[in-house]
PDB file of N, CA and C in Angstrom:
ATOM      1  N   MET A   1     135.709  95.212  95.685  1.00  0.00           N
ATOM      2  CA  MET A   1     135.366  95.049  94.633  1.00  0.00           C
ATOM      3  C   MET A   1     133.378  95.947  94.979  1.00  0.00           C
ATOM      4  N   LYS A   2     133.438  96.564  94.527  1.00  0.00           N
ATOM      5  CA  LYS A   2     132.228  97.417  94.724  1.00  0.00           C
ATOM      6  C   LYS A   2     131.741  96.702  94.148  1.00  0.00           C
ATOM      7  N   ILE A   3     130.275  96.928  94.648  1.00  0.00           N
ATOM      8  CA  ILE A   3     128.698  95.756  93.912  1.00  0.00           C
ATOM      9  C   ILE A   3     128.639  96.719  92.361  1.00  0.00           C
ATOM     10  N   GLN A   4     128.983  97.398  91.879  1.00  0.00           N
ATOM     11  CA  GLN A   4     128.666  98.390  90.537  1.00  0.00           C
ATOM     12  C   GLN A   4     129.991  97.319  89.589  1.00  0.00           C
ATOM     13  N   GLU A   5     130.765  97.730  90.425  1.00  0.00           N
ATOM     14  CA  GLU A   5     131.863  97.469  89.342  1.00  0.00           C
ATOM     15  C   GLU A   5     131.817  95.977  88.536  1.00  0.00           C
ATOM     16  N   LEU A   6     131.234  95.087  89.463  1.00  0.00           N
ATOM     17  CA  LEU A   6     131.029  93.421  89.096  1.00  0.00           C
ATOM     18  C   LEU A   6     129.606  93.233  88.338  1.00  0.00           C
ATOM     19  N   ARG A   7     128.467  94.561  88.987  1.00  0.00           N
ATOM     20  CA  ARG A   7     128.121  93.928  87.102  1.00  0.00           C
ATOM     21  C   ARG A   7     128.091  94.477  86.427  1.00  0.00           C
ATOM     22  N   SER A   8     129.179  95.996  86.227  1.00  0.00           N
ATOM     23  CA  SER A   8     129.100  95.926  84.543  1.00  0.00           C
ATOM     24  C   SER A   8     130.222  95.352  83.957  1.00  0.00           C
ATOM     25  N   LEU A   9     130.857  94.260  84.329  1.00  0.00           N
ATOM     26  CA  LEU A   9     131.969  92.812  83.875  1.00  0.00           C
ATOM     27  C   LEU A   9     130.522  92.237  83.103  1.00  0.00           C
ATOM     28  N   SER A  10     131.559  90.861  82.497  1.00  0.00           N
ATOM     29  CA  SER A  10     130.446  90.004  81.737  1.00  0.00           C
ATOM     30  C   SER A  10     131.138  88.505  81.936  1.00  0.00           C
ATOM     31  N   ARG A  11     129.822  88.151  81.882  1.00  0.00           N
ATOM     32  CA  ARG A  11     130.187  86.372  82.793  1.00  0.00           C
ATOM     33  C   ARG A  11     131.207  85.759  82.620  1.00  0.00           C
ATOM     34  N   GLU A  12     132.429  86.040  81.203  1.00  0.00           N
ATOM     35  CA  GLU A  12     133.006  86.002  81.419  1.00  0.00           C
ATOM     36  C   GLU A  12     134.423  86.674  82.263  1.00  0.00           C
ATOM     37  N   GLU A  13     134.886  87.493  82.455  1.00  0.00           N
ATOM     38  CA  GLU A  13     134.915  88.310  83.226  1.00  0.00           C
ATOM     39  C   GLU A  13     135.497  88.021  84.696  1.00  0.00           C
ATOM     40  N   LEU A  14     133.381  87.594  85.206  1.00  0.00           N
ATOM     41  CA  LEU A  14     133.207  87.562  86.755  1.00  0.00           C
ATOM     42  C   LEU A  14     133.904  86.325  86.586  1.00  0.00           C
ATOM     43  N   ILE A  15     133.755  85.526  85.644  1.00  0.00           N
ATOM     44  CA  ILE A  15     134.313  83.989  86.173  1.00  0.00           C
ATOM     45  C   ILE A  15     135.739  83.743  86.621  1.00  0.00           C
ATOM     46  N   ALA A  16     136.540  85.011  85.015  1.00  0.00           N
ATOM     47  CA  ALA A  16     137.896  85.034  85.152  1.00  0.00           C
ATOM     48  C   ALA A  16     138.724  85.698  86.427  1.00  0.00           C
ATOM     49  N   LYS A  17     137.593  86.479  87.345  1.00  0.00           N
ATOM     50  CA  LYS A  17     137.699  87.030  88.825  1.00  0.00           C
ATOM     51  C   LYS A  17     137.874  86.122  89.664  1.00  0.00           C
ATOM     52  N   GLU A  18     136.795  85.354  89.271  1.00  0.00           N
ATOM     53  CA  GLU A  18     136.302  84.233  90.822  1.00  0.00           C
ATOM     54  C   GLU A  18     137.448  83.706  91.061  1.00  0.00           C
ATOM     55  N   LYS A  19     137.903  82.985  89.726  1.00  0.00           N
ATOM     56  CA  LYS A  19     138.695  82.451  90.016  1.00  0.00           C
ATOM     57  C   LYS A  19     140.249  82.702  89.882  1.00  0.00           C
ATOM     58  N   THR A  20     140.812  84.098  90.472  1.00  0.00           N
ATOM     59  CA  THR A  20     141.796  84.922  90.270  1.00  0.00           C
ATOM     60  C   THR A  20     141.846  84.968  92.300  1.00  0.00           C
ATOM     61  N   LEU A  21     140.287  85.212  92.532  1.00  0.00           N
ATOM     62  CA  LEU A  21     139.952  85.230  93.989  1.00  0.00           C
ATOM     63  C   LEU A  21     139.931  84.023  94.728  1.00  0.00           C
ATOM     64  N   LYS A  22     140.364  82.324  93.909  1.00  0.00           N
ATOM     65  CA  LYS A  22     140.158  81.497  94.736  1.00  0.00           C
ATOM     66  C   LYS A  22     141.281  81.022  94.924  1.00  0.00           C
ATOM     67  N   GLU A  23     142.484  81.775  94.124  1.00  0.00           N
ATOM     68  CA  GLU A  23     144.027  81.424  94.158  1.00  0.00           C
ATOM     69  C   GLU A  23     144.348  82.097  95.044  1.00  0.00           C
ATOM     70  N   GLU A  24     143.330  83.354  95.009  1.00  0.00           N
ATOM     71  CA  GLU A  24     144.130  84.181  96.133  1.00  0.00           C
ATOM     72  C   GLU A  24     143.929  83.665  97.828  1.00  0.00           C
ATOM     73  N   LEU A  25     142.390  83.108  97.824  1.00  0.00           N
ATOM     74  CA  LEU A  25     142.804  82.179  99.553  1.00  0.00           C
ATOM     75  C   LEU A  25     143.434  81.371  99.313  1.00  0.00           C
ATOM     76  N   PHE A  26     143.283  80.504  98.105  1.00  0.00           N
ATOM     77  CA  PHE A  26     144.297  79.572  98.267  1.00  0.00           C
ATOM     78  C   PHE A  26     145.646  79.850  99.342  1.00  0.00           C
ATOM     79  N   LYS A  27     146.166  80.950  99.025  1.00  0.00           N
ATOM     80  CA  LYS A  27     147.885  81.206  98.930  1.00  0.00           C
ATOM     81  C   LYS A  27     147.612  81.287 100.446  1.00  0.00           C
ATOM     82  N   LEU A  28     146.161  82.814 100.626  1.00  0.00           N
ATOM     83  CA  LEU A  28     146.258  82.824 101.648  1.00  0.00           C
ATOM     84  C   LEU A  28     146.391  82.119 102.730  1.00  0.00           C
ATOM     85  N   ASN A  29     145.577  80.885 102.758  1.00  0.00           N
ATOM     86  CA  ASN A  29     145.925  80.331 103.397  1.00  0.00           C
ATOM     87  C   ASN A  29     146.807  79.108 103.821  1.00  0.00           C
ATOM     88  N   LEU A  30     147.851  79.283 103.223  1.00  0.00           N
ATOM     89  CA  LEU A  30     149.224  78.277 103.628  1.00  0.00           C
ATOM     90  C   LEU A  30     149.761  79.488 104.029  1.00  0.00           C
ATOM     91  N   GLU A  31     149.946  80.403 103.289  1.00  0.00           N
ATOM     92  CA  GLU A  31     150.320  80.910 104.128  1.00  0.00           C
ATOM     93  C   GLU A  31     150.138  81.318 105.873  1.00  0.00           C
ATOM     94  N   ARG A  32     148.671  81.501 106.380  1.00  0.00           N
ATOM     95  CA  ARG A  32     148.280  80.961 107.236  1.00  0.00           C
ATOM     96  C   ARG A  32     148.982  79.898 107.972  1.00  0.00           C
ATOM     97  N   TYR A  33     148.452  78.696 107.418  1.00  0.00           N
ATOM     98  CA  TYR A  33     149.597  77.771 107.911  1.00  0.00           C
ATOM     99  C   TYR A  33     150.561  77.495 107.806  1.00  0.00           C
ATOM    100  N   GLU A  34     150.895  77.579 107.853  1.00  0.00           N
ATOM    101  CA  GLU A  34     153.004  78.201 107.205  1.00  0.00           C
ATOM    102  C   GLU A  34     153.017  79.031 108.553  1.00  0.00           C
ATOM    103  N   GLY A  35     152.211  80.270 109.554  1.00  0.00           N
ATOM    104  CA  GLY A  35     152.557  80.618 110.283  1.00  0.00           C
ATOM    105  C   GLY A  35     153.016  82.444 109.366  1.00  0.00           C
ATOM    106  N   ARG A  36     152.849  82.828 108.120  1.00  0.00           N
ATOM    107  CA  ARG A  36     153.269  83.637 108.245  1.00  0.00           C
ATOM    108  C   ARG A  36     153.027  84.914 107.502  1.00  0.00           C
ATOM    109  N   LEU A  37     151.203  85.012 107.864  1.00  0.00           N
ATOM    110  CA  LEU A  37     150.494  85.753 107.203  1.00  0.00           C
ATOM    111  C   LEU A  37     150.523  86.838 107.960  1.00  0.00           C
ATOM    112  N   GLN A  38     150.673  87.487 107.116  1.00  0.00           N
ATOM    113  CA  GLN A  38     150.624  89.360 107.200  1.00  0.00           C
ATOM    114  C   GLN A  38     149.888  89.770 107.499  1.00  0.00           C
ATOM    115  N   ARG A  39     148.347  89.811 106.257  1.00  0.00           N
ATOM    116  CA  ARG A  39     147.600  90.637 106.406  1.00  0.00           C
ATOM    117  C   ARG A  39     146.146  89.908 106.354  1.00  0.00           C
ATOM    118  N   PRO A  40     145.842  89.697 107.818  1.00  0.00           N
ATOM    119  CA  PRO A  40     144.781  88.404 108.060  1.00  0.00           C
ATOM    120  C   PRO A  40     142.889  88.956 107.464  1.00  0.00           C
ATOM    121  N   HIS A  41     143.342  90.472 107.993  1.00  0.00           N
ATOM    122  CA  HIS A  41     141.460  91.248 107.323  1.00  0.00           C
ATOM    123  C   HIS A  41     141.424  90.776 105.492  1.00  0.00           C
ATOM    124  N   LEU A  42     142.448  90.232 104.905  1.00  0.00           N
ATOM    125  CA  LEU A  42     141.858  89.613 103.651  1.00  0.00           C
ATOM    126  C   LEU A  42     141.352  88.703 103.347  1.00  0.00           C
ATOM    127  N   PHE A  43     141.500  87.995 104.677  1.00  0.00           N
ATOM    128  CA  PHE A  43     140.415  86.615 104.375  1.00  0.00           C
ATOM    129  C   PHE A  43     139.232  86.945 104.148  1.00  0.00           C
ATOM    130  N   ARG A  44     138.167  87.831 104.945  1.00  0.00           N
ATOM    131  CA  ARG A  44     136.981  88.606 104.945  1.00  0.00           C
ATOM    132  C   ARG A  44     136.081  89.005 103.525  1.00  0.00           C
ATOM    133  N   GLN A  45     137.724  89.763 103.266  1.00  0.00           N
ATOM    134  CA  GLN A  45     137.351  90.766 102.221  1.00  0.00           C
ATOM    135  C   GLN A  45     137.586  89.559 101.073  1.00  0.00           C
ATOM    136  N   VAL A  46     138.377  88.681 100.173  1.00  0.00           N
ATOM    137  CA  VAL A  46     138.619  87.761  99.673  1.00  0.00           C
ATOM    138  C   VAL A  46     137.111  87.142  99.518  1.00  0.00           C
ATOM    139  N   LYS A  47     136.797  85.741 100.704  1.00  0.00           N
ATOM    140  CA  LYS A  47     135.433  85.970 100.656  1.00  0.00           C
ATOM    141  C   LYS A  47     134.569  86.513 100.083  1.00  0.00           C
ATOM    142  N   LYS A  48     133.995  87.972 101.132  1.00  0.00           N
ATOM    143  CA  LYS A  48     132.945  88.583 100.433  1.00  0.00           C
ATOM    144  C   LYS A  48     132.877  88.620  98.756  1.00  0.00           C
ATOM    145  N   ASP A  49     134.596  88.952  98.414  1.00  0.00           N
ATOM    146  CA  ASP A  49     134.446  89.568  96.925  1.00  0.00           C
ATOM    147  C   ASP A  49     134.115  87.831  96.353  1.00  0.00           C
ATOM    148  N   ILE A  50     134.112  86.650  95.754  1.00  0.00           N
ATOM    149  CA  ILE A  50     133.545  85.465  95.486  1.00  0.00           C
ATOM    150  C   ILE A  50     131.948  85.160  95.461  1.00  0.00           C
ATOM    151  N   ALA A  51     132.416  85.849  97.154  1.00  0.00           N
ATOM    152  CA  ALA A  51     130.257  85.773  97.268  1.00  0.00           C
ATOM    153  C   ALA A  51     129.904  87.067  96.364  1.00  0.00           C
ATOM    154  N   ARG A  52     130.104  87.896  95.688  1.00  0.00           N
ATOM    155  CA  ARG A  52     129.319  89.011  95.803  1.00  0.00           C
ATOM    156  C   ARG A  52     129.258  88.712  93.796  1.00  0.00           C
ATOM    157  N   ILE A  53     130.223  87.436  93.841  1.00  0.00           N
ATOM    158  CA  ILE A  53     130.418  87.148  92.085  1.00  0.00           C
ATOM    159  C   ILE A  53     129.961  86.227  91.999  1.00  0.00           C
ATOM    160  N   GLU A  54     129.594  85.278  93.251  1.00  0.00           N
ATOM    161  CA  GLU A  54     128.507  84.256  92.614  1.00  0.00           C
ATOM    162  C   GLU A  54     127.087  84.865  92.503  1.00  0.00           C
ATOM    163  N   THR A  55     127.301  85.335  93.476  1.00  0.00           N
ATOM    164  CA  THR A  55     125.516  85.986  93.561  1.00  0.00           C
ATOM    165  C   THR A  55     125.319  86.798  92.604  1.00  0.00           C
ATOM    166  N   ILE A  56     126.588  87.760  91.587  1.00  0.00           N
ATOM    167  CA  ILE A  56     126.129  88.385  90.240  1.00  0.00           C
ATOM    168  C   ILE A  56     125.536  86.714  88.972  1.00  0.00           C
ATOM    169  N   LEU A  57     126.311  86.192  89.372  1.00  0.00           N
ATOM    170  CA  LEU A  57     126.846  85.062  87.811  1.00  0.00           C
ATOM    171  C   LEU A  57     124.908  84.603  88.783  1.00  0.00           C
ATOM    172  N   HIS A  58     124.629  84.323  89.875  1.00  0.00           N
ATOM    173  CA  HIS A  58     123.062  82.978  89.648  1.00  0.00           C
ATOM    174  C   HIS A  58     122.368  84.617  89.141  1.00  0.00           C
ATOM    175  N   GLU A  59     122.480  85.407  90.013  1.00  0.00           N
ATOM    176  CA  GLU A  59     121.379  86.576  89.303  1.00  0.00           C
ATOM    177  C   GLU A  59     121.399  86.826  87.051  1.00  0.00           C
ATOM    178  N   LYS A  60     122.477  86.521  86.945  1.00  0.00           N
ATOM    179  CA  LYS A  60     122.579  86.864  85.196  1.00  0.00           C
ATOM    180  C   LYS A  60     121.555  85.386  84.910  1.00  0.00           C
ATOM    181  N   LYS A  61     121.916  84.151  85.510  1.00  0.00           N
ATOM    182  CA  LYS A  61     121.682  83.547  85.239  1.00  0.00           C
ATOM    183  C   LYS A  61     120.465  83.324  85.154  1.00  0.00           C
ATOM    184  N   ASN A  62     119.807  83.963  86.555  1.00  0.00           N
ATOM    185  CA  ASN A  62     118.208  83.908  86.120  1.00  0.00           C
ATOM    186  C   ASN A  62     117.360  84.645  85.647  1.00  0.00           C
ATOM    187  N   ASN A  63     118.159  85.986  85.635  1.00  0.00           N
ATOM    188  CA  ASN A  63     117.426  86.759  84.575  1.00  0.00           C
ATOM    189  C   ASN A  63     117.728  86.313  82.634  1.00  0.00           C
ATOM    190  N   LYS A  64     118.672  85.981  82.702  1.00  0.00           N
ATOM    191  CA  LYS A  64     118.442  85.098  81.506  1.00  0.00           C
ATOM    192  C   LYS A  64     117.384  84.044  81.101  1.00  0.00           C
ATOM    193  N   GLN A  65     117.206  82.886  82.077  1.00  0.00           N
ATOM    194  CA  GLN A  65     115.921  82.261  81.836  1.00  0.00           C
ATOM    195  C   GLN A  65     114.936  82.213  82.032  1.00  0.00           C
ATOM    196  N   LYS A  66     114.732  84.058  82.980  1.00  0.00           N
ATOM    197  CA  LYS A  66     112.979  84.781  82.744  1.00  0.00           C
ATOM    198  C   LYS A  66     113.125  84.971  81.005  1.00  0.00           C
ATOM    199  N   SER A  67     113.571  85.774  81.025  1.00  0.00           N
ATOM    200  CA  SER A  67     113.705  86.895  79.544  1.00  0.00           C
ATOM    201  C   SER A  67     113.599  85.528  77.861  1.00  0.00           C
ATOM    202  N   SER A  68     114.285  84.244  78.578  1.00  0.00           N
ATOM    203  CA  SER A  68     113.872  83.261  77.628  1.00  0.00           C
ATOM    204  C   SER A  68     112.331  82.449  77.836  1.00  0.00           C
ATOM    205  N   ILE A  69     112.047  81.778  78.614  1.00  0.00           N
ATOM    206  CA  ILE A  69     110.529  81.543  78.328  1.00  0.00           C
ATOM    207  C   ILE A  69     109.796  82.955  78.660  1.00  0.00           C
ATOM    208  N   THR A  70     109.555  84.294  78.322  1.00  0.00           N
ATOM    209  CA  THR A  70     108.981  84.920  78.736  1.00  0.00           C
ATOM    210  C   THR A  70     108.713  85.506  76.663  1.00  0.00           C
ATOM    211  N   SER A  71     109.702  84.894  76.237  1.00  0.00           N
ATOM    212  CA  SER A  71     110.038  85.138  75.300  1.00  0.00           C
ATOM    213  C   SER A  71     109.221  84.341  74.487  1.00  0.00           C
TER     214      SER A  71
END
């Protein structure tokens, strides 16, 4: 997912997206340990998307705190 697409989402949408990605990562791990993993490249992709979402959530939290301090 592109960073601009993620930035346009609300906080609740980002949290929901993060939850689904973590569930997908869990399923990928199950497939890997069962020996039937078809698409190993998805590990890197899903982990990066989760990291992007966590970064954006952190940025939004910091921006909210900064705006409340200056107000």
